[in-house]
Every structure is written in C-alpha cells, then in structure tokens.
N, C-alpha and C. Protein backbone atom coordinates (compact mmCIF):
# COMPACT_ATOMS: atom_id res chain seq x y z
N MET A 1 -65.94 161.33 80.58
CA MET A 1 -66.57 162.46 81.18
C MET A 1 -68.06 162.37 81.13
N SER A 2 -68.66 162.99 82.04
CA SER A 2 -70.18 162.93 82.16
C SER A 2 -70.87 163.66 81.06
N ASP A 3 -72.18 163.25 80.89
CA ASP A 3 -72.98 164.00 79.82
C ASP A 3 -73.11 165.37 80.17
N GLU A 4 -73.29 165.68 81.50
CA GLU A 4 -73.45 167.05 81.95
C GLU A 4 -72.24 167.89 81.46
N HIS A 5 -70.99 167.36 81.55
CA HIS A 5 -69.87 168.14 81.13
C HIS A 5 -70.05 168.50 79.65
N TYR A 6 -70.33 167.60 78.81
CA TYR A 6 -70.48 167.88 77.42
C TYR A 6 -71.55 168.92 77.18
N ALA A 7 -72.72 168.81 77.96
CA ALA A 7 -73.79 169.67 77.67
C ALA A 7 -73.52 171.04 78.06
N SER A 8 -72.63 171.26 79.06
CA SER A 8 -72.35 172.58 79.53
C SER A 8 -71.06 173.17 78.83
N LYS A 9 -70.22 172.42 78.09
CA LYS A 9 -69.14 172.93 77.36
C LYS A 9 -69.48 173.97 76.35
N GLU A 10 -68.78 175.12 76.36
CA GLU A 10 -69.00 176.02 75.45
C GLU A 10 -68.22 175.77 74.15
N ILE A 11 -68.78 176.07 73.01
CA ILE A 11 -68.12 175.80 71.78
C ILE A 11 -66.85 176.88 71.60
N SER A 12 -65.71 176.37 71.25
CA SER A 12 -64.52 177.23 71.16
C SER A 12 -64.60 177.89 69.90
N ASP A 13 -63.81 178.99 69.60
CA ASP A 13 -63.61 179.66 68.51
C ASP A 13 -63.20 178.75 67.38
N ALA A 14 -62.22 177.96 67.63
CA ALA A 14 -61.66 177.03 66.57
C ALA A 14 -62.72 176.04 66.15
N GLU A 15 -63.59 175.52 67.00
CA GLU A 15 -64.65 174.52 66.63
C GLU A 15 -65.73 175.34 65.90
N GLN A 16 -66.01 176.54 66.17
CA GLN A 16 -66.95 177.35 65.61
C GLN A 16 -66.42 177.57 64.12
N GLN A 17 -65.19 177.95 63.94
CA GLN A 17 -64.56 178.13 62.66
C GLN A 17 -64.57 176.86 61.82
N ALA A 18 -64.39 175.66 62.52
CA ALA A 18 -64.41 174.51 61.75
C ALA A 18 -65.83 174.13 61.18
N LYS A 19 -66.88 174.49 62.05
CA LYS A 19 -68.26 174.39 61.63
C LYS A 19 -68.55 175.19 60.35
N GLN A 20 -68.11 176.47 60.41
CA GLN A 20 -68.24 177.39 59.29
C GLN A 20 -67.58 176.88 58.00
N ASP A 21 -66.41 176.28 58.23
CA ASP A 21 -65.78 175.78 57.03
C ASP A 21 -66.46 174.56 56.38
N LYS A 22 -67.30 173.92 57.17
CA LYS A 22 -68.13 172.75 56.61
C LYS A 22 -69.37 173.22 55.85
N ILE A 23 -69.70 174.46 55.94
CA ILE A 23 -70.92 174.99 55.46
C ILE A 23 -70.67 175.05 53.93
N VAL A 24 -71.53 174.65 53.10
CA VAL A 24 -71.45 174.63 51.65
C VAL A 24 -71.56 176.06 51.17
N ASP A 25 -70.60 176.49 50.11
CA ASP A 25 -70.67 177.80 49.53
C ASP A 25 -71.90 177.84 48.62
N LEU A 26 -72.94 178.60 49.17
CA LEU A 26 -74.22 178.70 48.48
C LEU A 26 -74.17 179.44 47.14
N ASP A 27 -73.00 180.09 46.78
CA ASP A 27 -72.76 180.74 45.52
C ASP A 27 -72.23 179.84 44.41
N ALA A 28 -72.06 178.51 44.84
CA ALA A 28 -71.62 177.62 43.81
C ALA A 28 -72.55 177.45 42.80
N PRO A 29 -72.14 177.38 41.47
CA PRO A 29 -73.08 177.27 40.34
C PRO A 29 -74.09 176.14 40.44
N LYS A 30 -73.66 174.99 40.89
CA LYS A 30 -74.50 173.79 41.02
C LYS A 30 -75.69 174.00 42.02
N LEU A 31 -75.21 174.81 43.16
CA LEU A 31 -76.26 175.06 44.13
C LEU A 31 -77.18 176.22 43.72
N LYS A 32 -76.74 177.07 42.89
CA LYS A 32 -77.63 178.07 42.36
C LYS A 32 -78.81 177.51 41.57
N PHE A 33 -78.50 176.40 40.78
CA PHE A 33 -79.57 175.63 40.10
C PHE A 33 -80.54 175.12 41.07
N TYR A 34 -79.94 174.49 42.20
CA TYR A 34 -80.92 173.89 43.14
C TYR A 34 -81.80 175.03 43.82
N GLU A 35 -81.14 176.09 44.13
CA GLU A 35 -81.89 177.21 44.83
C GLU A 35 -83.15 177.70 43.84
N GLU A 36 -82.74 177.81 42.58
CA GLU A 36 -83.69 178.39 41.55
C GLU A 36 -84.85 177.29 41.44
N LEU A 37 -84.43 176.17 41.37
CA LEU A 37 -85.43 175.09 41.29
C LEU A 37 -86.28 174.99 42.55
N ARG A 38 -85.76 175.09 43.71
CA ARG A 38 -86.44 175.12 44.92
C ARG A 38 -87.40 176.29 45.03
N SER A 39 -87.02 177.45 44.50
CA SER A 39 -87.90 178.61 44.42
C SER A 39 -88.98 178.37 43.60
N LYS A 40 -88.74 177.83 42.39
CA LYS A 40 -89.89 177.59 41.36
C LYS A 40 -90.87 176.58 41.90
N ALA A 41 -90.35 175.45 42.61
CA ALA A 41 -91.22 174.61 43.17
C ALA A 41 -92.10 175.14 44.27
N LYS A 42 -91.55 176.01 44.99
CA LYS A 42 -92.40 176.67 46.15
C LYS A 42 -93.50 177.46 45.51
N VAL A 43 -93.17 178.30 44.45
CA VAL A 43 -94.08 179.20 43.88
C VAL A 43 -95.26 178.23 43.21
N TRP A 44 -94.86 177.14 42.46
CA TRP A 44 -95.82 176.13 41.84
C TRP A 44 -96.74 175.51 42.97
N THR A 45 -96.05 175.22 44.07
CA THR A 45 -96.86 174.52 45.13
C THR A 45 -97.90 175.35 45.69
N LYS A 46 -97.50 176.72 45.90
CA LYS A 46 -98.30 177.62 46.51
C LYS A 46 -99.54 177.93 45.51
N ASN A 47 -99.22 178.04 44.21
CA ASN A 47 -100.19 178.37 43.21
C ASN A 47 -101.18 177.20 43.09
N GLN A 48 -100.69 176.00 42.93
CA GLN A 48 -101.45 174.82 42.76
C GLN A 48 -102.21 174.35 44.08
N GLY A 49 -101.52 174.61 45.22
CA GLY A 49 -102.15 174.07 46.54
C GLY A 49 -102.66 175.07 47.39
N GLY A 50 -102.67 176.30 46.95
CA GLY A 50 -103.22 177.36 47.80
C GLY A 50 -102.41 177.73 49.00
N VAL A 51 -102.99 178.14 50.09
CA VAL A 51 -102.26 178.54 51.29
C VAL A 51 -101.73 177.33 51.92
N LEU A 52 -102.58 176.23 52.05
CA LEU A 52 -102.14 175.12 52.71
C LEU A 52 -100.99 174.39 51.94
N GLY A 53 -101.05 174.38 50.63
CA GLY A 53 -99.95 173.82 49.79
C GLY A 53 -98.59 174.63 49.88
N GLY A 54 -98.81 175.89 50.03
CA GLY A 54 -97.68 176.80 50.11
C GLY A 54 -96.94 176.47 51.43
N LYS A 55 -97.75 176.39 52.49
CA LYS A 55 -97.17 176.15 53.95
C LYS A 55 -96.60 174.82 53.97
N LEU A 56 -97.26 173.82 53.34
CA LEU A 56 -96.63 172.43 53.25
C LEU A 56 -95.42 172.48 52.50
N SER A 57 -95.26 173.05 51.48
CA SER A 57 -94.01 173.12 50.70
C SER A 57 -92.97 173.78 51.54
N GLU A 58 -93.24 174.82 52.15
CA GLU A 58 -92.38 175.56 53.09
C GLU A 58 -91.72 174.62 54.03
N TYR A 59 -92.58 173.84 54.68
CA TYR A 59 -92.12 172.84 55.70
C TYR A 59 -91.27 171.62 55.00
N LEU A 60 -91.71 171.15 53.91
CA LEU A 60 -91.02 169.92 53.25
C LEU A 60 -89.67 170.47 52.76
N PHE A 61 -89.57 171.82 52.33
CA PHE A 61 -88.34 172.31 51.89
C PHE A 61 -87.23 172.47 52.99
N ALA A 62 -87.77 172.43 54.28
CA ALA A 62 -86.92 172.56 55.49
C ALA A 62 -86.30 171.33 55.83
N LEU A 63 -86.94 170.14 55.22
CA LEU A 63 -86.44 168.86 55.69
C LEU A 63 -85.01 168.61 55.36
N PRO A 64 -84.43 168.96 54.29
CA PRO A 64 -82.96 168.89 54.00
C PRO A 64 -82.17 169.61 55.13
N ASP A 65 -82.58 170.83 55.51
CA ASP A 65 -81.87 171.58 56.50
C ASP A 65 -81.87 170.95 57.88
N LEU A 66 -83.13 170.36 58.19
CA LEU A 66 -83.24 169.64 59.38
C LEU A 66 -82.39 168.33 59.41
N PHE A 67 -82.30 167.74 58.20
CA PHE A 67 -81.52 166.49 58.24
C PHE A 67 -79.98 166.84 58.45
N VAL A 68 -79.58 167.87 57.90
CA VAL A 68 -78.26 168.40 58.12
C VAL A 68 -77.99 168.74 59.47
N LEU A 69 -78.89 169.29 60.16
CA LEU A 69 -78.90 169.59 61.62
C LEU A 69 -78.74 168.31 62.38
N LEU A 70 -79.44 167.30 62.05
CA LEU A 70 -79.40 166.00 62.81
C LEU A 70 -77.97 165.48 62.58
N CYS A 71 -77.46 165.43 61.39
CA CYS A 71 -76.03 164.97 61.08
C CYS A 71 -75.01 165.70 62.00
N ARG A 72 -75.10 167.00 62.01
CA ARG A 72 -74.21 167.80 62.81
C ARG A 72 -74.35 167.46 64.37
N LEU A 73 -75.49 167.37 64.82
CA LEU A 73 -75.81 167.03 66.20
C LEU A 73 -75.22 165.64 66.52
N ALA A 74 -75.20 164.73 65.68
CA ALA A 74 -74.71 163.42 65.81
C ALA A 74 -73.19 163.31 66.08
N THR A 75 -72.47 164.49 65.66
CA THR A 75 -71.08 164.58 65.93
C THR A 75 -70.71 165.63 66.95
N GLU A 76 -71.70 166.24 67.44
CA GLU A 76 -71.58 167.38 68.35
C GLU A 76 -71.11 166.90 69.65
N LYS A 77 -69.96 167.44 70.26
CA LYS A 77 -69.31 167.01 71.49
C LYS A 77 -70.26 167.30 72.72
N ARG A 78 -70.96 168.35 72.59
CA ARG A 78 -71.82 168.70 73.74
C ARG A 78 -73.14 167.90 73.88
N ILE A 79 -73.39 166.97 73.01
CA ILE A 79 -74.65 166.09 73.04
C ILE A 79 -74.31 164.90 73.87
N PRO A 80 -75.22 164.66 74.82
CA PRO A 80 -75.05 163.38 75.56
C PRO A 80 -75.23 162.09 74.59
N ALA A 81 -74.60 161.01 75.09
CA ALA A 81 -74.74 159.67 74.33
C ALA A 81 -76.19 159.33 74.09
N LYS A 82 -76.95 159.44 75.09
CA LYS A 82 -78.35 159.10 75.12
C LYS A 82 -79.07 159.75 73.90
N SER A 83 -78.87 160.94 73.82
CA SER A 83 -79.42 161.83 72.78
C SER A 83 -78.88 161.47 71.28
N LYS A 84 -77.60 161.11 71.29
CA LYS A 84 -76.99 160.64 69.98
C LYS A 84 -77.58 159.38 69.53
N ILE A 85 -77.93 158.51 70.41
CA ILE A 85 -78.56 157.28 70.01
C ILE A 85 -80.00 157.56 69.36
N LEU A 86 -80.67 158.43 69.91
CA LEU A 86 -82.00 158.96 69.37
C LEU A 86 -81.72 159.58 67.96
N ILE A 87 -80.80 160.37 67.88
CA ILE A 87 -80.52 161.17 66.60
C ILE A 87 -80.09 160.08 65.56
N GLY A 88 -79.30 159.08 65.93
CA GLY A 88 -78.93 158.02 65.01
C GLY A 88 -80.18 157.27 64.50
N ALA A 89 -81.06 157.07 65.41
CA ALA A 89 -82.36 156.33 64.95
C ALA A 89 -83.18 157.14 64.06
N ILE A 90 -83.25 158.53 64.31
CA ILE A 90 -84.00 159.39 63.37
C ILE A 90 -83.34 159.46 61.99
N ILE A 91 -81.98 159.59 61.93
CA ILE A 91 -81.35 159.58 60.68
C ILE A 91 -81.63 158.39 59.93
N SER A 92 -81.55 157.17 60.61
CA SER A 92 -81.76 155.92 60.01
C SER A 92 -83.15 155.79 59.37
N TYR A 93 -84.18 156.40 60.06
CA TYR A 93 -85.49 156.26 59.71
C TYR A 93 -85.72 157.09 58.37
N VAL A 94 -85.08 158.39 58.35
CA VAL A 94 -85.21 159.20 57.17
C VAL A 94 -84.46 158.65 55.95
N ILE A 95 -83.34 157.86 56.10
CA ILE A 95 -82.65 157.31 55.07
C ILE A 95 -83.36 156.04 54.58
N MET A 96 -83.96 155.22 55.44
CA MET A 96 -84.50 154.01 55.04
C MET A 96 -85.71 154.16 54.07
N PRO A 97 -85.81 153.36 53.04
CA PRO A 97 -86.99 153.56 52.17
C PRO A 97 -88.33 153.04 52.67
N ILE A 98 -88.28 152.23 53.76
CA ILE A 98 -89.57 151.76 54.33
C ILE A 98 -89.93 152.62 55.54
N ASP A 99 -91.04 153.31 55.32
CA ASP A 99 -91.58 154.29 56.32
C ASP A 99 -93.06 154.06 56.67
N ILE A 100 -93.50 154.76 57.62
CA ILE A 100 -95.02 154.70 57.90
C ILE A 100 -95.73 155.04 56.62
N VAL A 101 -95.32 156.11 55.92
CA VAL A 101 -95.86 156.56 54.65
C VAL A 101 -94.69 156.35 53.66
N PRO A 102 -94.86 155.50 52.70
CA PRO A 102 -93.62 155.37 51.77
C PRO A 102 -93.29 156.68 51.10
N ASP A 103 -91.99 156.78 50.89
CA ASP A 103 -91.47 157.89 50.27
C ASP A 103 -91.80 158.09 48.83
N PHE A 104 -92.07 157.02 48.15
CA PHE A 104 -92.46 157.07 46.67
C PHE A 104 -93.82 157.84 46.58
N ILE A 105 -94.66 158.04 47.44
CA ILE A 105 -95.85 158.78 47.23
C ILE A 105 -95.50 160.24 47.20
N PRO A 106 -95.70 160.94 46.09
CA PRO A 106 -95.29 162.39 46.04
C PRO A 106 -95.72 163.22 47.10
N VAL A 107 -94.91 164.07 47.59
CA VAL A 107 -95.13 165.05 48.67
C VAL A 107 -95.53 164.41 50.01
N ILE A 108 -96.63 163.66 50.05
CA ILE A 108 -97.06 163.09 51.34
C ILE A 108 -96.08 162.15 51.72
N GLY A 109 -95.36 161.37 50.94
CA GLY A 109 -94.35 160.39 51.35
C GLY A 109 -93.28 160.91 52.28
N TYR A 110 -93.03 162.25 52.24
CA TYR A 110 -92.04 162.87 53.08
C TYR A 110 -92.60 163.53 54.37
N LEU A 111 -93.88 163.55 54.53
CA LEU A 111 -94.45 164.22 55.69
C LEU A 111 -94.09 163.45 56.92
N ASP A 112 -94.15 162.07 56.93
CA ASP A 112 -93.84 161.38 58.11
C ASP A 112 -92.34 161.51 58.52
N ASP A 113 -91.47 161.62 57.47
CA ASP A 113 -90.06 162.00 57.88
C ASP A 113 -90.06 163.29 58.45
N LEU A 114 -90.66 164.28 57.99
CA LEU A 114 -90.54 165.57 58.46
C LEU A 114 -91.11 165.61 59.88
N VAL A 115 -92.26 165.07 60.18
CA VAL A 115 -92.89 165.04 61.45
C VAL A 115 -92.01 164.27 62.43
N LEU A 116 -91.48 163.13 62.10
CA LEU A 116 -90.62 162.35 62.95
C LEU A 116 -89.33 163.10 63.24
N VAL A 117 -88.77 163.86 62.34
CA VAL A 117 -87.57 164.67 62.58
C VAL A 117 -87.88 165.81 63.57
N VAL A 118 -89.04 166.43 63.39
CA VAL A 118 -89.39 167.50 64.32
C VAL A 118 -89.75 167.06 65.64
N LEU A 119 -90.59 165.99 65.79
CA LEU A 119 -90.85 165.44 67.13
C LEU A 119 -89.50 164.90 67.82
N GLY A 120 -88.63 164.40 67.10
CA GLY A 120 -87.30 163.94 67.64
C GLY A 120 -86.39 165.09 68.06
N LEU A 121 -86.29 166.08 67.28
CA LEU A 121 -85.63 167.35 67.61
C LEU A 121 -86.20 167.96 68.90
N ASN A 122 -87.53 167.93 69.05
CA ASN A 122 -88.23 168.60 70.25
C ASN A 122 -87.89 167.78 71.48
N MET A 123 -87.76 166.32 71.39
CA MET A 123 -87.38 165.57 72.44
C MET A 123 -85.97 165.84 72.81
N ILE A 124 -85.00 165.90 71.79
CA ILE A 124 -83.67 166.16 72.02
C ILE A 124 -83.51 167.63 72.67
N LEU A 125 -84.27 168.59 72.32
CA LEU A 125 -84.19 169.91 72.81
C LEU A 125 -84.47 169.89 74.30
N ASN A 126 -85.30 169.01 74.76
CA ASN A 126 -85.64 168.81 76.18
C ASN A 126 -84.45 168.32 76.97
N GLN A 127 -83.48 167.65 76.34
CA GLN A 127 -82.32 167.15 76.99
C GLN A 127 -81.04 168.04 76.85
N ILE A 128 -81.03 169.01 75.92
CA ILE A 128 -79.81 169.75 75.78
C ILE A 128 -80.18 171.17 75.83
N ASP A 129 -79.11 172.09 75.80
CA ASP A 129 -79.26 173.42 75.78
C ASP A 129 -79.67 173.93 74.37
N LYS A 130 -80.58 174.72 74.25
CA LYS A 130 -81.20 175.18 72.93
C LYS A 130 -79.90 175.81 71.97
N LYS A 131 -78.96 176.40 72.78
CA LYS A 131 -77.86 177.12 72.04
C LYS A 131 -77.15 176.07 71.21
N ILE A 132 -77.06 174.87 71.67
CA ILE A 132 -76.32 173.75 70.85
C ILE A 132 -77.12 173.56 69.51
N LEU A 133 -78.40 173.55 69.61
CA LEU A 133 -79.30 173.41 68.42
C LEU A 133 -79.00 174.57 67.38
N ILE A 134 -79.03 175.83 68.05
CA ILE A 134 -78.94 176.93 67.15
C ILE A 134 -77.52 177.01 66.60
N ASP A 135 -76.56 176.64 67.39
CA ASP A 135 -75.20 176.66 66.82
C ASP A 135 -74.95 175.82 65.63
N ASN A 136 -75.75 174.73 65.60
CA ASN A 136 -75.59 173.80 64.50
C ASN A 136 -76.57 174.03 63.24
N TRP A 137 -77.37 174.95 63.41
CA TRP A 137 -78.37 175.17 62.44
C TRP A 137 -77.87 176.22 61.30
N SER A 138 -78.13 175.91 60.11
CA SER A 138 -77.75 176.68 59.01
C SER A 138 -78.88 177.06 58.04
N GLY A 139 -80.08 176.77 58.50
CA GLY A 139 -81.39 177.01 57.72
C GLY A 139 -81.55 178.58 57.58
N GLU A 140 -82.58 178.90 56.78
CA GLU A 140 -82.86 180.32 56.61
C GLU A 140 -83.79 180.96 57.60
N VAL A 141 -84.46 180.19 58.45
CA VAL A 141 -85.39 180.59 59.44
C VAL A 141 -85.00 180.25 60.79
N ASP A 142 -85.62 180.94 61.86
CA ASP A 142 -85.42 180.54 63.25
C ASP A 142 -85.77 179.05 63.51
N VAL A 143 -84.82 178.25 63.84
CA VAL A 143 -85.05 176.72 63.90
C VAL A 143 -86.12 176.48 64.99
N LEU A 144 -86.19 177.18 66.16
CA LEU A 144 -87.04 176.97 67.27
C LEU A 144 -88.43 177.27 66.82
N GLU A 145 -88.57 178.32 66.18
CA GLU A 145 -89.89 178.77 65.60
C GLU A 145 -90.42 177.78 64.55
N LEU A 146 -89.59 177.35 63.68
CA LEU A 146 -89.85 176.30 62.69
C LEU A 146 -90.41 175.05 63.38
N LEU A 147 -89.66 174.48 64.29
CA LEU A 147 -90.09 173.28 64.94
C LEU A 147 -91.53 173.35 65.67
N GLN A 148 -91.73 174.58 66.17
CA GLN A 148 -93.04 174.87 66.81
C GLN A 148 -94.11 174.83 65.69
N LYS A 149 -93.94 175.62 64.67
CA LYS A 149 -94.91 175.70 63.61
C LYS A 149 -95.15 174.31 62.95
N ILE A 150 -94.19 173.49 62.66
CA ILE A 150 -94.37 172.25 62.07
C ILE A 150 -95.20 171.32 63.00
N SER A 151 -94.79 171.33 64.31
CA SER A 151 -95.44 170.41 65.21
C SER A 151 -96.94 170.83 65.44
N ALA A 152 -97.28 172.10 65.49
CA ALA A 152 -98.58 172.58 65.50
C ALA A 152 -99.43 172.11 64.24
N THR A 153 -98.80 172.45 63.08
CA THR A 153 -99.50 171.98 61.88
C THR A 153 -99.69 170.55 61.67
N ALA A 154 -98.68 169.79 62.07
CA ALA A 154 -98.78 168.31 61.93
C ALA A 154 -99.99 167.85 62.92
N GLU A 155 -100.09 168.31 64.06
CA GLU A 155 -101.08 167.86 64.97
C GLU A 155 -102.49 168.25 64.51
N GLN A 156 -102.57 169.34 63.81
CA GLN A 156 -103.88 169.92 63.33
C GLN A 156 -104.28 169.31 61.97
N PHE A 157 -103.40 169.05 61.11
CA PHE A 157 -103.87 168.55 59.77
C PHE A 157 -103.54 167.06 59.41
N MET A 158 -102.63 166.51 60.19
CA MET A 158 -102.28 165.13 59.78
C MET A 158 -103.36 164.17 60.24
N ASN A 159 -103.48 163.08 59.50
CA ASN A 159 -104.24 161.94 59.90
C ASN A 159 -103.97 161.54 61.35
N LYS A 160 -104.77 161.53 62.26
CA LYS A 160 -104.51 161.20 63.75
C LYS A 160 -103.82 159.72 63.73
N ASN A 161 -104.27 158.88 62.97
CA ASN A 161 -103.74 157.55 63.11
C ASN A 161 -102.20 157.52 62.63
N VAL A 162 -101.98 158.30 61.53
CA VAL A 162 -100.50 158.41 61.10
C VAL A 162 -99.80 159.09 62.18
N TYR A 163 -100.25 160.25 62.67
CA TYR A 163 -99.54 160.94 63.65
C TYR A 163 -99.23 160.18 64.89
N GLN A 164 -100.19 159.38 65.30
CA GLN A 164 -100.03 158.46 66.52
C GLN A 164 -98.93 157.41 66.23
N ARG A 165 -98.97 156.95 65.03
CA ARG A 165 -97.99 155.90 64.62
C ARG A 165 -96.64 156.49 64.69
N ILE A 166 -96.37 157.70 64.22
CA ILE A 166 -95.13 158.40 64.28
C ILE A 166 -94.59 158.57 65.71
N LYS A 167 -95.56 158.96 66.63
CA LYS A 167 -95.30 159.21 68.02
C LYS A 167 -94.92 157.81 68.61
N GLY A 168 -95.61 156.77 68.27
CA GLY A 168 -95.41 155.40 68.77
C GLY A 168 -93.97 154.89 68.28
N TRP A 169 -93.46 155.31 67.18
CA TRP A 169 -92.18 154.96 66.77
C TRP A 169 -91.20 155.40 67.80
N PHE A 170 -91.33 156.48 68.37
CA PHE A 170 -90.39 156.99 69.48
C PHE A 170 -90.46 156.25 70.68
N SER A 171 -91.73 155.89 71.11
CA SER A 171 -91.88 155.15 72.36
C SER A 171 -91.28 153.76 72.24
N ASP A 172 -91.26 153.22 71.07
CA ASP A 172 -90.53 151.89 70.80
C ASP A 172 -89.15 151.92 70.97
N ARG A 173 -88.58 153.16 70.87
CA ARG A 173 -87.06 153.27 70.78
C ARG A 173 -86.53 153.97 72.05
N ILE A 174 -87.27 154.43 72.90
CA ILE A 174 -86.84 155.15 74.13
C ILE A 174 -86.84 154.32 75.42
C-alpha cells in the first residue's frame, strides 16, 4: 500500500486500546520512586541553576518521553517508510555512546540528544498528520508546544557550532 494510505488511515478503537495497554502503570511502586527522584532533581536543578537551570531540567526530563514517542512512531502503521528510516536513525543516535557532545558529560551530554530528537520530530511532523504524533504521546505536557519551546531555546542558547553540527547530522542522512 502507498505511504498516503498509511498516513490517512485512522487508528481503530482496538489499536487505541492496544496502545493504552502498553502504557506503564505509573502507580507501580518502582515508578513512584522514579517520579519522586525526578521531582527532587527538578527542584534541585531549579534552585542551583536558577531560571535557566530549571527550564533546562524541564526539557531534559522530557527526553525519556520523547524517546518513547520515537519508539512508538517506529512501529506506527500510519507512518511512511521514509519517515521510519529517519526515526530509526534518531533512535540509534540516542542509544549510541558516541555523540556530538559525549553523554558522560553531566547534563550537557544529553543536550545534543534532546535537540536532535526535537529537530527530527519536527521534520517528521512535516511529513505526517500531527494527530499521529499526539496519538502516540504519553508525556505530561502538550507535545507540539514542547517541541516548539525546545527548538526556540536550543537556537537561542546553544553554542552555534554544536547546533549546526546537529542540524548537519540530519542533512547527511536525508
């Protein structure tokens, strides 16, 4: 079938229920520990880093949600094959230990992953219906608004050389 067919196909109730069944129960004891730790880390980052540190931590704590979104999109039937190749490349970049900014550098090491994920999702969003993105999102905030905020902040505050290298990573793969 054509990519247009997949892009226009509506998600059935059964498929929607299957997606709901995949969502992890956030009331599980192990995840409560994670949520408490995440909350404490956000407060600590805001207190130690001021407004910019608090905003940065908010965005970095969105990275796991964005990664899950990418994984779901990789298996989404309504996504064209060309977009799935890009999704696979982004997932690979995030998983690989060798990055533009190495992950072992605290906090900053994950910024390139975050920016690359957001730039990639913005590119994919230009190829698909935004409803597909929203259907697969399970984060706490509006995903479209989050993508816009992170993109604007990255362009404003990131080292221009690093930002251009991240953008260049995409041009090498498209």
